[in-house]
Amino acid sequence: MKGDKYGTHRVIEPKGYLPQPALKLDNDFSKLYSNEILIDVMFLNIDSSSFTQIENEANKDTKKIGEIILKIVNDRGKMQNPITGSGGMLVGIVEKIGDDLKDKIEIKEGDIIASLVSLSLTPLKINKIKEIYLDRDQVEIDGKAVLFESGVFVKLPDDINLRTSLSILDVAGAPIQVARIVKPNDYVFIIGAGGKSGLLCCYESKKRVGPKGKVIAMAHSEKSYERIKKLGFYDYLFIGNAQDPISVLKEIEKLTDGKLSDVVINCVNVSDTEIASIITCKDRGIVYFFSMATSFTKAALGAEGVGKDVDMIIGNGYAKNHAEYTLNLLRESNKLRDIFEEYYGGER
């Protein structure tokens, strides 16, 4: 039996919805549709905003974190945080390919792949949580998932270890978008520069701005500050609180001689940072919200409230060839690769 290309056949509630906005999906994989791919899941990389919310709710107790994740998946048939609305992505072994897809895709059963679509729309069943890695937002599980005909995925490379690939592919949409919007001589301000997407954006921005441009990186803690400092792809680095927009504005005014930023990139994993992003951007500049904690309402009305005429871009997690583009960043920079191996990698 063939299912809908976009996965509506797996939607239990509400009927007629697409899988991402749906409340509950069918995660019974005893019957596989002919245009689905069954995955034996090894790791989940939970979206940073979602993992942070769960971690805080559980007071960083790994047992409670596991219980919350299991409850979400049991209730919804997918890993979609009901508070943040976000998911993440997975890595697993291709267990079975539906007959209608076998001649259309370039993978085979037994290959290790990473999903490039959100867990918030991916039917998932967790049999057991094996390990939770607090410092990586990763969860090792025994479970199954299916990808739909429209789903995007990538076969994992042999030259980059599995956990590093998992961590970098979860944010692969960020650097390729930065390559599109950052121009020579730009002043680029990166909020949340010490996380996975932030580090990639620092590296990509520094490549793009040229000798007359500047990259300003803001960390939220000493730990992230040291991580950015070790990477080194910035011109100015400071610790700041993106939930305190006036203090951040004063720092940016000082560093730019009052000119503000041509491009602001928001990579944080907490709420209420929209105004700090908008107010530090010059008129007709670009604010790129890659953070899943972004509120469209706060951004739109906030820009109006402070009288800012800026273009605001929502961080699309997908761009054509974004996976290979981002993996190639690790191949071209040993320093970037070393940082990801140290903080997010592990034994394959």
C-alpha atoms as a PDB file:
ATOM      1  CA  MET A   1       0.000   0.000   0.000  1.00  0.00           C
ATOM      2  CA  LYS A   2       1.300   3.442  -0.950  1.00  0.00           C
ATOM      3  CA  GLY A   3       1.059   6.344   1.461  1.00  0.00           C
ATOM      4  CA  ASP A   4       0.835  10.068   0.858  1.00  0.00           C
ATOM      5  CA  LYS A   5       4.098  11.634  -0.349  1.00  0.00           C
ATOM      6  CA  TYR A   6       4.090  14.107   2.567  1.00  0.00           C
ATOM      7  CA  GLY A   7       3.063  11.583   5.220  1.00  0.00           C
ATOM      8  CA  THR A   8      -0.556  12.539   5.889  1.00  0.00           C
ATOM      9  CA  HIS A   9      -1.409   8.830   6.009  1.00  0.00           C
ATOM     10  CA  ARG A  10       0.450   8.665   9.355  1.00  0.00           C
ATOM     11  CA  VAL A  11      -1.525  11.510  10.915  1.00  0.00           C
ATOM     12  CA  ILE A  12      -3.945  10.349  13.615  1.00  0.00           C
ATOM     13  CA  GLU A  13      -5.027  13.722  14.964  1.00  0.00           C
ATOM     14  CA  PRO A  14      -6.232  16.063  13.533  1.00  0.00           C
ATOM     15  CA  LYS A  15      -7.066  14.349  10.262  1.00  0.00           C
ATOM     16  CA  GLY A  16      -6.095  16.298   7.162  1.00  0.00           C
ATOM     17  CA  TYR A  17      -3.077  17.903   8.817  1.00  0.00           C
ATOM     18  CA  LEU A  18       0.496  17.491   7.655  1.00  0.00           C
ATOM     19  CA  PRO A  19       2.725  15.550  10.077  1.00  0.00           C
ATOM     20  CA  GLN A  20       4.573  18.567  11.514  1.00  0.00           C
ATOM     21  CA  PRO A  21       1.583  20.554  12.866  1.00  0.00           C
ATOM     22  CA  ALA A  22      -0.339  17.374  13.735  1.00  0.00           C
ATOM     23  CA  LEU A  23      -0.780  16.471  17.398  1.00  0.00           C
ATOM     24  CA  LYS A  24      -0.334  12.708  17.013  1.00  0.00           C
ATOM     25  CA  LEU A  25       1.217  10.386  14.438  1.00  0.00           C
ATOM     26  CA  ASP A  26       0.903   6.655  13.849  1.00  0.00           C
ATOM     27  CA  ASN A  27       4.177   5.047  14.973  1.00  0.00           C
ATOM     28  CA  ASP A  28       3.088   1.446  14.445  1.00  0.00           C
ATOM     29  CA  PHE A  29       5.692   0.167  12.005  1.00  0.00           C
ATOM     30  CA  SER A  30       4.460  -3.415  11.771  1.00  0.00           C
ATOM     31  CA  LYS A  31       3.167  -2.390   8.356  1.00  0.00           C
ATOM     32  CA  LEU A  32       5.456  -0.306   6.147  1.00  0.00           C
ATOM     33  CA  TYR A  33       3.969   1.689   3.291  1.00  0.00           C
ATOM     34  CA  SER A  34       5.586   1.184  -0.098  1.00  0.00           C
ATOM     35  CA  ASN A  35       6.961   4.740  -0.215  1.00  0.00           C
ATOM     36  CA  GLU A  36       8.449   4.816   3.293  1.00  0.00           C
ATOM     37  CA  ILE A  37      11.923   4.071   4.635  1.00  0.00           C
ATOM     38  CA  LEU A  38      12.184   2.227   7.955  1.00  0.00           C
ATOM     39  CA  ILE A  39      15.117   3.328  10.124  1.00  0.00           C
ATOM     40  CA  ASP A  40      16.707   1.472  13.034  1.00  0.00           C
ATOM     41  CA  VAL A  41      17.457   4.574  15.111  1.00  0.00           C
ATOM     42  CA  MET A  42      20.749   4.893  16.988  1.00  0.00           C
ATOM     43  CA  PHE A  43      20.853   8.528  18.088  1.00  0.00           C
ATOM     44  CA  LEU A  44      18.532  11.490  18.383  1.00  0.00           C
ATOM     45  CA  ASN A  45      19.963  14.991  18.271  1.00  0.00           C
ATOM     46  CA  ILE A  46      17.319  17.029  20.090  1.00  0.00           C
ATOM     47  CA  ASP A  47      16.885  20.616  18.940  1.00  0.00           C
ATOM     48  CA  SER A  48      18.861  22.873  21.298  1.00  0.00           C
ATOM     49  CA  SER A  49      15.838  24.977  22.324  1.00  0.00           C
ATOM     50  CA  SER A  50      13.835  21.836  23.056  1.00  0.00           C
ATOM     51  CA  PHE A  51      16.642  20.079  24.931  1.00  0.00           C
ATOM     52  CA  THR A  52      17.323  23.167  27.048  1.00  0.00           C
ATOM     53  CA  GLN A  53      13.647  23.413  28.012  1.00  0.00           C
ATOM     54  CA  ILE A  54      13.471  19.705  28.922  1.00  0.00           C
ATOM     55  CA  GLU A  55      16.780  19.885  30.793  1.00  0.00           C
ATOM     56  CA  ASN A  56      15.541  22.835  32.859  1.00  0.00           C
ATOM     57  CA  GLU A  57      12.204  21.150  33.570  1.00  0.00           C
ATOM     58  CA  ALA A  58      14.056  18.059  34.798  1.00  0.00           C
ATOM     59  CA  ASN A  59      16.677  20.040  36.755  1.00  0.00           C
ATOM     60  CA  LYS A  60      19.335  18.318  34.624  1.00  0.00           C
ATOM     61  CA  ASP A  61      18.378  14.910  36.038  1.00  0.00           C
ATOM     62  CA  THR A  62      19.040  12.484  33.170  1.00  0.00           C
ATOM     63  CA  LYS A  63      16.455  10.000  34.411  1.00  0.00           C
ATOM     64  CA  LYS A  64      13.751  12.678  34.398  1.00  0.00           C
ATOM     65  CA  ILE A  65      14.917  13.934  31.007  1.00  0.00           C
ATOM     66  CA  GLY A  66      14.483  10.414  29.658  1.00  0.00           C
ATOM     67  CA  GLU A  67      11.013  10.161  31.178  1.00  0.00           C
ATOM     68  CA  ILE A  68       9.942  13.447  29.582  1.00  0.00           C
ATOM     69  CA  ILE A  69      11.247  12.403  26.163  1.00  0.00           C
ATOM     70  CA  LEU A  70       9.522   9.012  26.387  1.00  0.00           C
ATOM     71  CA  LYS A  71       6.231  10.646  27.390  1.00  0.00           C
ATOM     72  CA  ILE A  72       6.381  13.052  24.453  1.00  0.00           C
ATOM     73  CA  VAL A  73       7.063  10.254  21.969  1.00  0.00           C
ATOM     74  CA  ASN A  74       4.431   7.944  23.504  1.00  0.00           C
ATOM     75  CA  ASP A  75       1.826  10.724  23.480  1.00  0.00           C
ATOM     76  CA  ARG A  76       2.593  12.152  20.048  1.00  0.00           C
ATOM     77  CA  GLY A  77       4.196   9.339  18.054  1.00  0.00           C
ATOM     78  CA  LYS A  78       7.048  11.748  17.309  1.00  0.00           C
ATOM     79  CA  MET A  79       9.633  13.806  19.184  1.00  0.00           C
ATOM     80  CA  GLN A  80       8.015  17.243  19.167  1.00  0.00           C
ATOM     81  CA  ASN A  81       8.396  19.292  22.325  1.00  0.00           C
ATOM     82  CA  PRO A  82       4.884  20.602  23.114  1.00  0.00           C
ATOM     83  CA  ILE A  83       6.340  23.803  24.579  1.00  0.00           C
ATOM     84  CA  THR A  84       8.938  24.772  21.948  1.00  0.00           C
ATOM     85  CA  GLY A  85       7.238  22.961  19.051  1.00  0.00           C
ATOM     86  CA  SER A  86      10.638  21.842  17.770  1.00  0.00           C
ATOM     87  CA  GLY A  87      12.209  18.434  17.293  1.00  0.00           C
ATOM     88  CA  GLY A  88      15.727  17.710  16.065  1.00  0.00           C
ATOM     89  CA  MET A  89      17.019  14.953  13.804  1.00  0.00           C
ATOM     90  CA  LEU A  90      18.203  11.352  13.942  1.00  0.00           C
ATOM     91  CA  VAL A  91      20.920   8.991  12.843  1.00  0.00           C
ATOM     92  CA  GLY A  92      20.201   5.349  12.159  1.00  0.00           C
ATOM     93  CA  ILE A  93      20.626   2.305   9.963  1.00  0.00           C
ATOM     94  CA  VAL A  94      18.361   1.814   6.970  1.00  0.00           C
ATOM     95  CA  GLU A  95      16.405  -1.316   7.861  1.00  0.00           C
ATOM     96  CA  LYS A  96      13.944  -1.484   4.975  1.00  0.00           C
ATOM     97  CA  ILE A  97      13.159   0.538   1.868  1.00  0.00           C
ATOM     98  CA  GLY A  98       9.630   0.467   0.482  1.00  0.00           C
ATOM     99  CA  ASP A  99       9.272  -1.079  -2.972  1.00  0.00           C
ATOM    100  CA  ASP A 100       8.253   2.202  -4.624  1.00  0.00           C
ATOM    101  CA  LEU A 101      11.460   3.913  -3.477  1.00  0.00           C
ATOM    102  CA  LYS A 102      14.107   1.263  -4.090  1.00  0.00           C
ATOM    103  CA  ASP A 103      14.937   2.477  -7.604  1.00  0.00           C
ATOM    104  CA  LYS A 104      14.531   6.171  -6.792  1.00  0.00           C
ATOM    105  CA  ILE A 105      17.015   6.752  -3.969  1.00  0.00           C
ATOM    106  CA  GLU A 106      20.779   6.357  -3.731  1.00  0.00           C
ATOM    107  CA  ILE A 107      20.945   4.428  -0.487  1.00  0.00           C
ATOM    108  CA  LYS A 108      20.582   0.774   0.317  1.00  0.00           C
ATOM    109  CA  GLU A 109      19.531  -1.251   3.328  1.00  0.00           C
ATOM    110  CA  GLY A 110      22.330  -1.309   5.897  1.00  0.00           C
ATOM    111  CA  ASP A 111      23.534   2.240   5.177  1.00  0.00           C
ATOM    112  CA  ILE A 112      23.867   4.692   8.064  1.00  0.00           C
ATOM    113  CA  ILE A 113      21.975   7.901   7.339  1.00  0.00           C
ATOM    114  CA  ALA A 114      21.013  11.135   9.050  1.00  0.00           C
ATOM    115  CA  SER A 115      17.567  12.579   8.613  1.00  0.00           C
ATOM    116  CA  LEU A 116      17.518  16.168   7.382  1.00  0.00           C
ATOM    117  CA  VAL A 117      13.884  16.674   8.309  1.00  0.00           C
ATOM    118  CA  SER A 118      12.691  17.526  11.789  1.00  0.00           C
ATOM    119  CA  LEU A 119      11.802  14.949  14.413  1.00  0.00           C
ATOM    120  CA  SER A 120       8.679  17.074  14.876  1.00  0.00           C
ATOM    121  CA  LEU A 121       7.273  15.447  11.725  1.00  0.00           C
ATOM    122  CA  THR A 122       8.991  12.045  11.856  1.00  0.00           C
ATOM    123  CA  PRO A 123       7.026   9.041  13.180  1.00  0.00           C
ATOM    124  CA  LEU A 124       9.178   7.602  15.967  1.00  0.00           C
ATOM    125  CA  LYS A 125       8.978   4.783  18.483  1.00  0.00           C
ATOM    126  CA  ILE A 126      11.447   4.478  21.354  1.00  0.00           C
ATOM    127  CA  ASN A 127      11.884   1.040  22.907  1.00  0.00           C
ATOM    128  CA  LYS A 128      14.649   2.075  25.266  1.00  0.00           C
ATOM    129  CA  ILE A 129      16.770   5.108  26.085  1.00  0.00           C
ATOM    130  CA  LYS A 130      20.352   3.903  26.455  1.00  0.00           C
ATOM    131  CA  GLU A 131      22.227   7.117  27.245  1.00  0.00           C
ATOM    132  CA  ILE A 132      21.645  10.872  27.461  1.00  0.00           C
ATOM    133  CA  TYR A 133      24.510  13.237  26.656  1.00  0.00           C
ATOM    134  CA  LEU A 134      23.798  16.558  28.351  1.00  0.00           C
ATOM    135  CA  ASP A 135      26.720  18.365  26.755  1.00  0.00           C
ATOM    136  CA  ARG A 136      25.664  17.404  23.215  1.00  0.00           C
ATOM    137  CA  ASP A 137      21.838  17.461  23.285  1.00  0.00           C
ATOM    138  CA  GLN A 138      22.040  13.856  22.098  1.00  0.00           C
ATOM    139  CA  VAL A 139      20.129  10.746  23.144  1.00  0.00           C
ATOM    140  CA  GLU A 140      21.222   7.203  22.329  1.00  0.00           C
ATOM    141  CA  ILE A 141      18.208   4.953  21.885  1.00  0.00           C
ATOM    142  CA  ASP A 142      16.862   1.636  20.720  1.00  0.00           C
ATOM    143  CA  GLY A 143      14.012   2.635  18.444  1.00  0.00           C
ATOM    144  CA  LYS A 144      12.471   2.861  15.005  1.00  0.00           C
ATOM    145  CA  ALA A 145      11.368   5.692  12.730  1.00  0.00           C
ATOM    146  CA  VAL A 146      10.114   6.152   9.197  1.00  0.00           C
ATOM    147  CA  LEU A 147      10.963   8.740   6.586  1.00  0.00           C
ATOM    148  CA  PHE A 148       8.384   9.703   3.999  1.00  0.00           C
ATOM    149  CA  GLU A 149       8.865   9.924   0.251  1.00  0.00           C
ATOM    150  CA  SER A 150       9.356  13.700   0.577  1.00  0.00           C
ATOM    151  CA  GLY A 151      11.856  13.302   3.424  1.00  0.00           C
ATOM    152  CA  VAL A 152      15.407  14.558   3.023  1.00  0.00           C
ATOM    153  CA  PHE A 153      18.361  12.566   4.336  1.00  0.00           C
ATOM    154  CA  VAL A 154      22.068  12.068   3.788  1.00  0.00           C
ATOM    155  CA  LYS A 155      24.315   9.032   3.944  1.00  0.00           C
ATOM    156  CA  LEU A 156      26.916   9.643   6.631  1.00  0.00           C
ATOM    157  CA  PRO A 157      30.463  10.193   5.398  1.00  0.00           C
ATOM    158  CA  ASP A 158      33.266   7.795   6.253  1.00  0.00           C
ATOM    159  CA  ASP A 159      35.759  10.541   7.108  1.00  0.00           C
ATOM    160  CA  ILE A 160      33.772  12.236   9.917  1.00  0.00           C
ATOM    161  CA  ASN A 161      32.700  10.312  13.005  1.00  0.00           C
ATOM    162  CA  LEU A 162      29.044   9.575  13.598  1.00  0.00           C
ATOM    163  CA  ARG A 163      28.370  11.841  16.587  1.00  0.00           C
ATOM    164  CA  THR A 164      30.164  14.779  15.035  1.00  0.00           C
ATOM    165  CA  SER A 165      28.156  14.314  11.843  1.00  0.00           C
ATOM    166  CA  LEU A 166      24.979  14.107  13.909  1.00  0.00           C
ATOM    167  CA  SER A 167      25.707  17.355  15.738  1.00  0.00           C
ATOM    168  CA  ILE A 168      26.722  19.344  12.681  1.00  0.00           C
ATOM    169  CA  LEU A 169      23.958  18.132  10.378  1.00  0.00           C
ATOM    170  CA  ASP A 170      21.334  19.198  12.901  1.00  0.00           C
ATOM    171  CA  VAL A 171      22.312  22.827  12.197  1.00  0.00           C
ATOM    172  CA  ALA A 172      23.422  22.433   8.577  1.00  0.00           C
ATOM    173  CA  GLY A 173      20.929  25.023   7.374  1.00  0.00           C
ATOM    174  CA  ALA A 174      22.742  27.858   9.162  1.00  0.00           C
ATOM    175  CA  PRO A 175      26.126  28.317   7.427  1.00  0.00           C
ATOM    176  CA  ILE A 176      24.814  27.997   3.873  1.00  0.00           C
ATOM    177  CA  GLN A 177      22.240  30.711   4.600  1.00  0.00           C
ATOM    178  CA  VAL A 178      25.007  32.878   6.073  1.00  0.00           C
ATOM    179  CA  ALA A 179      26.965  32.404   2.840  1.00  0.00           C
ATOM    180  CA  ARG A 180      23.983  33.835   0.969  1.00  0.00           C
ATOM    181  CA  ILE A 181      23.368  36.922   3.095  1.00  0.00           C
ATOM    182  CA  VAL A 182      26.788  38.047   4.382  1.00  0.00           C
ATOM    183  CA  LYS A 183      28.753  40.274   2.011  1.00  0.00           C
ATOM    184  CA  PRO A 184      32.280  41.721   1.935  1.00  0.00           C
ATOM    185  CA  ASN A 185      32.805  44.629   4.367  1.00  0.00           C
ATOM    186  CA  ASP A 186      29.738  43.694   6.452  1.00  0.00           C
ATOM    187  CA  TYR A 187      29.675  44.004  10.210  1.00  0.00           C
ATOM    188  CA  VAL A 188      28.125  40.739  11.412  1.00  0.00           C
ATOM    189  CA  PHE A 189      26.864  40.272  14.967  1.00  0.00           C
ATOM    190  CA  ILE A 190      26.309  36.658  16.086  1.00  0.00           C
ATOM    191  CA  ILE A 191      24.196  36.110  19.207  1.00  0.00           C
ATOM    192  CA  GLY A 192      24.723  32.705  20.804  1.00  0.00           C
ATOM    193  CA  ALA A 193      28.016  32.283  18.987  1.00  0.00           C
ATOM    194  CA  GLY A 194      29.284  29.508  21.258  1.00  0.00           C
ATOM    195  CA  GLY A 195      26.785  26.826  20.241  1.00  0.00           C
ATOM    196  CA  LYS A 196      26.904  24.508  17.246  1.00  0.00           C
ATOM    197  CA  SER A 197      25.176  26.819  14.786  1.00  0.00           C
ATOM    198  CA  GLY A 198      26.919  29.860  16.248  1.00  0.00           C
ATOM    199  CA  LEU A 199      30.392  28.408  15.741  1.00  0.00           C
ATOM    200  CA  LEU A 200      29.589  27.531  12.140  1.00  0.00           C
ATOM    201  CA  CYS A 201      28.175  31.010  11.540  1.00  0.00           C
ATOM    202  CA  CYS A 202      31.307  32.632  12.994  1.00  0.00           C
ATOM    203  CA  TYR A 203      33.499  30.611  10.671  1.00  0.00           C
ATOM    204  CA  GLU A 204      31.350  31.233   7.587  1.00  0.00           C
ATOM    205  CA  SER A 205      30.915  34.936   8.362  1.00  0.00           C
ATOM    206  CA  LYS A 206      34.652  35.470   8.799  1.00  0.00           C
ATOM    207  CA  LYS A 207      35.189  33.914   5.381  1.00  0.00           C
ATOM    208  CA  ARG A 208      32.660  36.257   3.805  1.00  0.00           C
ATOM    209  CA  VAL A 209      33.278  39.692   5.332  1.00  0.00           C
ATOM    210  CA  GLY A 210      36.828  40.098   4.042  1.00  0.00           C
ATOM    211  CA  PRO A 211      39.601  42.213   5.571  1.00  0.00           C
ATOM    212  CA  LYS A 212      37.433  45.327   6.014  1.00  0.00           C
ATOM    213  CA  GLY A 213      34.438  43.561   7.541  1.00  0.00           C
ATOM    214  CA  LYS A 214      34.071  42.526  11.171  1.00  0.00           C
ATOM    215  CA  VAL A 215      32.571  39.551  12.999  1.00  0.00           C
ATOM    216  CA  ILE A 216      31.286  40.293  16.497  1.00  0.00           C
ATOM    217  CA  ALA A 217      30.593  37.210  18.609  1.00  0.00           C
ATOM    218  CA  MET A 218      28.562  37.217  21.803  1.00  0.00           C
ATOM    219  CA  ALA A 219      28.683  34.354  24.298  1.00  0.00           C
ATOM    220  CA  HIS A 220      26.255  33.803  27.154  1.00  0.00           C
ATOM    221  CA  SER A 221      28.697  32.115  29.539  1.00  0.00           C
ATOM    222  CA  GLU A 222      32.382  31.650  30.291  1.00  0.00           C
ATOM    223  CA  LYS A 223      32.203  28.138  28.837  1.00  0.00           C
ATOM    224  CA  SER A 224      30.862  29.279  25.481  1.00  0.00           C
ATOM    225  CA  TYR A 225      33.234  32.276  25.538  1.00  0.00           C
ATOM    226  CA  GLU A 226      36.221  29.938  25.811  1.00  0.00           C
ATOM    227  CA  ARG A 227      34.848  27.735  23.038  1.00  0.00           C
ATOM    228  CA  ILE A 228      34.592  30.684  20.626  1.00  0.00           C
ATOM    229  CA  LYS A 229      37.974  31.999  21.719  1.00  0.00           C
ATOM    230  CA  LYS A 230      39.533  28.622  20.941  1.00  0.00           C
ATOM    231  CA  LEU A 231      37.964  28.645  17.469  1.00  0.00           C
ATOM    232  CA  GLY A 232      39.221  32.162  16.787  1.00  0.00           C
ATOM    233  CA  PHE A 233      37.057  33.203  13.835  1.00  0.00           C
ATOM    234  CA  TYR A 234      35.911  36.599  15.116  1.00  0.00           C
ATOM    235  CA  ASP A 235      37.115  40.173  15.506  1.00  0.00           C
ATOM    236  CA  TYR A 236      35.372  41.030  18.774  1.00  0.00           C
ATOM    237  CA  LEU A 237      34.139  38.693  21.491  1.00  0.00           C
ATOM    238  CA  PHE A 238      32.195  39.489  24.638  1.00  0.00           C
ATOM    239  CA  ILE A 239      29.839  37.902  27.157  1.00  0.00           C
ATOM    240  CA  GLY A 240      26.332  39.327  27.153  1.00  0.00           C
ATOM    241  CA  ASN A 241      22.719  38.633  27.981  1.00  0.00           C
ATOM    242  CA  ALA A 242      20.510  38.649  24.887  1.00  0.00           C
ATOM    243  CA  GLN A 243      17.445  38.985  27.116  1.00  0.00           C
ATOM    244  CA  ASP A 244      18.753  42.437  28.143  1.00  0.00           C
ATOM    245  CA  PRO A 245      18.640  44.285  24.792  1.00  0.00           C
ATOM    246  CA  ILE A 246      19.776  47.712  26.026  1.00  0.00           C
ATOM    247  CA  SER A 247      23.011  46.387  27.526  1.00  0.00           C
ATOM    248  CA  VAL A 248      23.737  44.486  24.320  1.00  0.00           C
ATOM    249  CA  LEU A 249      22.938  47.564  22.212  1.00  0.00           C
ATOM    250  CA  LYS A 250      25.425  49.671  24.179  1.00  0.00           C
ATOM    251  CA  GLU A 251      28.169  47.120  23.544  1.00  0.00           C
ATOM    252  CA  ILE A 252      27.450  46.961  19.805  1.00  0.00           C
ATOM    253  CA  GLU A 253      27.320  50.746  19.542  1.00  0.00           C
ATOM    254  CA  LYS A 254      30.760  50.882  21.159  1.00  0.00           C
ATOM    255  CA  LEU A 255      32.255  48.205  18.909  1.00  0.00           C
ATOM    256  CA  THR A 256      30.816  49.669  15.673  1.00  0.00           C
ATOM    257  CA  ASP A 257      31.244  53.375  16.486  1.00  0.00           C
ATOM    258  CA  GLY A 258      27.470  53.715  16.506  1.00  0.00           C
ATOM    259  CA  LYS A 259      26.958  52.242  13.029  1.00  0.00           C
ATOM    260  CA  LEU A 260      25.407  48.997  14.339  1.00  0.00           C
ATOM    261  CA  SER A 261      25.432  45.706  12.413  1.00  0.00           C
ATOM    262  CA  ASP A 262      24.713  45.001   8.754  1.00  0.00           C
ATOM    263  CA  VAL A 263      23.710  41.438   9.614  1.00  0.00           C
ATOM    264  CA  VAL A 264      22.591  40.003  12.960  1.00  0.00           C
ATOM    265  CA  ILE A 265      22.438  36.217  13.343  1.00  0.00           C
ATOM    266  CA  ASN A 266      20.484  34.800  16.277  1.00  0.00           C
ATOM    267  CA  CYS A 267      21.581  31.280  17.301  1.00  0.00           C
ATOM    268  CA  VAL A 268      20.347  31.176  20.900  1.00  0.00           C
ATOM    269  CA  ASN A 269      18.285  28.424  22.531  1.00  0.00           C
ATOM    270  CA  VAL A 270      16.223  30.569  24.916  1.00  0.00           C
ATOM    271  CA  SER A 271      13.245  32.884  24.449  1.00  0.00           C
ATOM    272  CA  ASP A 272      12.973  36.686  24.552  1.00  0.00           C
ATOM    273  CA  THR A 273      16.045  37.543  22.497  1.00  0.00           C
ATOM    274  CA  GLU A 274      14.217  39.006  19.507  1.00  0.00           C
ATOM    275  CA  ILE A 275      14.592  42.667  20.501  1.00  0.00           C
ATOM    276  CA  ALA A 276      18.338  42.380  21.144  1.00  0.00           C
ATOM    277  CA  SER A 277      18.685  41.035  17.607  1.00  0.00           C
ATOM    278  CA  ILE A 278      16.579  43.761  16.029  1.00  0.00           C
ATOM    279  CA  ILE A 279      17.814  46.778  17.968  1.00  0.00           C
ATOM    280  CA  THR A 280      21.486  46.045  17.197  1.00  0.00           C
ATOM    281  CA  CYS A 281      20.859  45.918  13.440  1.00  0.00           C
ATOM    282  CA  LYS A 282      21.091  49.055  11.331  1.00  0.00           C
ATOM    283  CA  ASP A 283      18.115  50.214   9.249  1.00  0.00           C
ATOM    284  CA  ARG A 284      17.742  48.107   6.069  1.00  0.00           C
ATOM    285  CA  GLY A 285      20.014  45.510   7.573  1.00  0.00           C
ATOM    286  CA  ILE A 286      19.231  41.798   7.889  1.00  0.00           C
ATOM    287  CA  VAL A 287      18.284  39.861  11.008  1.00  0.00           C
ATOM    288  CA  TYR A 288      18.576  36.090  10.563  1.00  0.00           C
ATOM    289  CA  PHE A 289      16.689  34.128  13.220  1.00  0.00           C
ATOM    290  CA  PHE A 290      18.102  30.605  13.163  1.00  0.00           C
ATOM    291  CA  SER A 291      16.912  30.008  16.733  1.00  0.00           C
ATOM    292  CA  MET A 292      13.870  27.759  17.187  1.00  0.00           C
ATOM    293  CA  ALA A 293      13.039  29.785  20.297  1.00  0.00           C
ATOM    294  CA  THR A 294      12.116  32.772  18.126  1.00  0.00           C
ATOM    295  CA  SER A 295       8.603  34.198  18.406  1.00  0.00           C
ATOM    296  CA  PHE A 296       7.296  35.661  15.168  1.00  0.00           C
ATOM    297  CA  THR A 297       4.927  37.876  17.147  1.00  0.00           C
ATOM    298  CA  LYS A 298       7.680  39.279  19.364  1.00  0.00           C
ATOM    299  CA  ALA A 299       9.951  39.859  16.380  1.00  0.00           C
ATOM    300  CA  ALA A 300       7.363  41.540  14.181  1.00  0.00           C
ATOM    301  CA  LEU A 301       5.790  43.721  16.856  1.00  0.00           C
ATOM    302  CA  GLY A 302       9.128  44.340  18.521  1.00  0.00           C
ATOM    303  CA  ALA A 303      10.628  45.774  15.328  1.00  0.00           C
ATOM    304  CA  GLU A 304       7.605  48.014  15.010  1.00  0.00           C
ATOM    305  CA  GLY A 305       7.906  49.074  18.631  1.00  0.00           C
ATOM    306  CA  VAL A 306      11.529  50.209  18.344  1.00  0.00           C
ATOM    307  CA  GLY A 307      11.058  51.702  14.889  1.00  0.00           C
ATOM    308  CA  LYS A 308      13.443  49.391  13.062  1.00  0.00           C
ATOM    309  CA  ASP A 309      13.196  48.950   9.289  1.00  0.00           C
ATOM    310  CA  VAL A 310      15.011  45.643   8.942  1.00  0.00           C
ATOM    311  CA  ASP A 311      14.543  42.496   6.883  1.00  0.00           C
ATOM    312  CA  MET A 312      13.944  39.468   9.088  1.00  0.00           C
ATOM    313  CA  ILE A 313      14.674  35.961   7.838  1.00  0.00           C
ATOM    314  CA  ILE A 314      13.347  32.797   9.439  1.00  0.00           C
ATOM    315  CA  GLY A 315      16.004  30.112   9.744  1.00  0.00           C
ATOM    316  CA  ASN A 316      14.931  27.499   7.253  1.00  0.00           C
ATOM    317  CA  GLY A 317      16.562  24.243   8.289  1.00  0.00           C
ATOM    318  CA  TYR A 318      16.822  23.175   4.659  1.00  0.00           C
ATOM    319  CA  ALA A 319      18.716  24.588   1.704  1.00  0.00           C
ATOM    320  CA  LYS A 320      19.773  22.770  -1.438  1.00  0.00           C
ATOM    321  CA  ASN A 321      23.016  20.822  -0.794  1.00  0.00           C
ATOM    322  CA  HIS A 322      23.237  22.198   2.743  1.00  0.00           C
ATOM    323  CA  ALA A 323      24.426  18.917   4.273  1.00  0.00           C
ATOM    324  CA  GLU A 324      27.418  18.501   1.995  1.00  0.00           C
ATOM    325  CA  TYR A 325      28.201  22.219   2.218  1.00  0.00           C
ATOM    326  CA  THR A 326      28.381  22.100   6.003  1.00  0.00           C
ATOM    327  CA  LEU A 327      30.346  18.854   6.174  1.00  0.00           C
ATOM    328  CA  ASN A 328      32.865  20.427   3.810  1.00  0.00           C
ATOM    329  CA  LEU A 329      33.463  23.225   6.325  1.00  0.00           C
ATOM    330  CA  LEU A 330      34.939  20.629   8.678  1.00  0.00           C
ATOM    331  CA  ARG A 331      37.067  19.278   5.863  1.00  0.00           C
ATOM    332  CA  GLU A 332      38.482  22.698   4.964  1.00  0.00           C
ATOM    333  CA  SER A 333      39.224  23.855   8.535  1.00  0.00           C
ATOM    334  CA  ASN A 334      41.101  21.635  10.969  1.00  0.00           C
ATOM    335  CA  LYS A 335      40.476  24.157  13.728  1.00  0.00           C
ATOM    336  CA  LEU A 336      36.696  24.025  13.222  1.00  0.00           C
ATOM    337  CA  ARG A 337      36.776  20.253  12.992  1.00  0.00           C
ATOM    338  CA  ASP A 338      38.848  19.956  16.172  1.00  0.00           C
ATOM    339  CA  ILE A 339      36.308  22.072  18.078  1.00  0.00           C
ATOM    340  CA  PHE A 340      33.377  19.905  16.962  1.00  0.00           C
ATOM    341  CA  GLU A 341      35.281  16.690  17.641  1.00  0.00           C
ATOM    342  CA  GLU A 342      36.221  17.901  21.133  1.00  0.00           C
ATOM    343  CA  TYR A 343      32.831  19.187  22.237  1.00  0.00           C
ATOM    344  CA  TYR A 344      30.311  17.196  20.217  1.00  0.00           C
ATOM    345  CA  GLY A 345      32.134  14.167  18.827  1.00  0.00           C
ATOM    346  CA  GLY A 346      32.786  10.761  20.273  1.00  0.00           C
ATOM    347  CA  GLU A 347      33.753   7.272  19.344  1.00  0.00           C
ATOM    348  CA  ARG A 348      32.092   5.935  16.251  1.00  0.00           C
END
